[in-house]
Amino acid sequence: MVVMHYPKTDWLKEPGTLAKRFRVPVLILTGERDRYSNNCCGVETMRAMEAVAKEANAPFELVVYPQANHGFNLQTPGFRRDDAAGAWRRTSEMLRQ
C-alpha cells in the first residue's frame, strides 16, 4: 500500500492517467487549505485523481482535513492536533490491512 501526506502534485499534467494505474491501496491525507510552495500539493489535483480512481474502481482513498494547511501533522505553526491524530489513526489502519 501507499500512504501519502500532502504529496507534491503540481507535476501531474493528467492526474487521471496516474490514478487509473493504481494497483495497491493508496491513501492520501491532506489539508484543504494547503497552498504550500506555489500550491505544489493542491487538493484539486488529488480530487481529480480520486474521481478517476473511483470510475476505474482503483483502490484509492482521499482524506481532506477542511481546516488544515501543509504540515498539519508536524510540530510546526500549522500543527492541528486532532487532524494529526486522525491521520495517524488512518495510517495505522491502512498498515494493519
Protein backbone atom coordinates (compact mmCIF):
# COMPACT_ATOMS: atom_id res chain seq x y z
CA MET A 1 0.00 0.00 0.00
CA VAL A 2 0.95 3.63 -0.27
CA VAL A 3 0.23 6.28 2.36
CA MET A 4 0.99 9.90 1.50
CA HIS A 5 0.65 13.08 3.48
CA TYR A 6 0.04 16.16 1.30
CA PRO A 7 2.01 14.84 -1.70
CA LYS A 8 3.54 17.08 -4.33
CA THR A 9 1.13 17.00 -7.26
CA ASP A 10 1.97 20.07 -9.33
CA TRP A 11 3.99 17.93 -11.77
CA LEU A 12 0.92 15.91 -12.77
CA LYS A 13 -0.45 17.16 -16.08
CA GLU A 14 -3.14 14.46 -16.24
CA PRO A 15 -3.79 13.10 -12.74
CA GLY A 16 -6.34 10.65 -14.09
CA THR A 17 -3.71 8.79 -16.06
CA LEU A 18 -1.83 8.05 -12.85
CA ALA A 19 -4.97 7.17 -10.89
CA LYS A 20 -6.01 4.54 -13.45
CA ARG A 21 -2.73 2.72 -12.80
CA PHE A 22 -3.19 2.25 -9.04
CA ARG A 23 -2.98 -1.47 -8.23
CA VAL A 24 -2.28 -1.32 -4.49
CA PRO A 25 -4.34 0.59 -1.94
CA VAL A 26 -3.46 4.30 -1.94
CA LEU A 27 -4.32 6.62 0.95
CA ILE A 28 -3.73 10.37 0.70
CA LEU A 29 -4.13 12.64 3.72
CA THR A 30 -4.11 16.35 3.00
CA GLY A 31 -5.30 19.76 4.13
CA GLU A 32 -7.99 21.72 2.31
CA ARG A 33 -6.03 24.95 2.90
CA ASP A 34 -2.67 23.62 1.70
CA ARG A 35 -1.11 26.28 -0.54
CA TYR A 36 2.49 25.44 0.27
CA SER A 37 5.20 26.46 -2.23
CA ASN A 38 3.02 27.85 -5.02
CA ASN A 39 0.33 25.23 -4.47
CA CYS A 40 2.64 22.26 -5.01
CA CYS A 41 0.29 19.98 -3.12
CA GLY A 42 -3.10 21.18 -4.29
CA VAL A 43 -6.15 19.28 -3.15
CA GLU A 44 -7.80 19.97 -6.52
CA THR A 45 -5.37 17.61 -8.27
CA MET A 46 -5.94 14.97 -5.62
CA ARG A 47 -9.69 15.26 -6.08
CA ALA A 48 -9.24 14.77 -9.82
CA MET A 49 -7.26 11.59 -9.09
CA GLU A 50 -9.99 10.47 -6.71
CA ALA A 51 -12.72 10.89 -9.33
CA VAL A 52 -10.84 8.89 -11.97
CA ALA A 53 -9.78 6.22 -9.48
CA LYS A 54 -13.40 5.79 -8.44
CA GLU A 55 -14.52 5.40 -12.07
CA ALA A 56 -11.71 2.88 -12.67
CA ASN A 57 -12.52 1.03 -9.45
CA ALA A 58 -8.93 1.63 -8.32
CA PRO A 59 -8.07 1.25 -4.60
CA PHE A 60 -7.80 4.93 -3.64
CA GLU A 61 -8.90 6.93 -0.61
CA LEU A 62 -8.54 10.68 -0.19
CA VAL A 63 -9.00 12.23 3.26
CA VAL A 64 -9.18 16.02 3.30
CA TYR A 65 -8.96 17.92 6.58
CA PRO A 66 -11.00 21.11 5.99
CA GLN A 67 -9.10 23.47 8.31
CA ALA A 68 -5.61 22.06 7.74
CA ASN A 69 -2.62 23.53 5.93
CA HIS A 70 0.55 21.85 4.72
CA GLY A 71 2.37 20.12 7.58
CA PHE A 72 -0.73 19.81 9.76
CA ASN A 73 0.71 16.67 11.36
CA LEU A 74 4.14 18.14 12.18
CA GLN A 75 5.22 20.21 15.15
CA THR A 76 5.07 23.46 13.16
CA PRO A 77 2.88 26.57 13.47
CA GLY A 78 0.31 24.77 11.27
CA PHE A 79 0.06 21.76 13.60
CA ARG A 80 -3.50 20.56 14.20
CA ARG A 81 -3.64 18.02 17.00
CA ASP A 82 -7.00 16.43 16.11
CA ASP A 83 -6.22 16.23 12.40
CA ALA A 84 -2.78 14.78 13.10
CA ALA A 85 -4.32 12.16 15.39
CA GLY A 86 -6.91 11.29 12.74
CA ALA A 87 -4.24 10.98 10.06
CA TRP A 88 -2.14 8.74 12.28
CA ARG A 89 -5.17 6.55 13.05
CA ARG A 90 -5.96 6.16 9.34
CA THR A 91 -2.30 5.43 8.56
CA SER A 92 -2.19 2.75 11.27
CA GLU A 93 -5.41 1.20 9.96
CA MET A 94 -4.01 1.06 6.43
CA LEU A 95 -0.80 -0.58 7.66
CA ARG A 96 -2.80 -3.21 9.56
CA GLN A 97 -4.51 -4.26 6.33
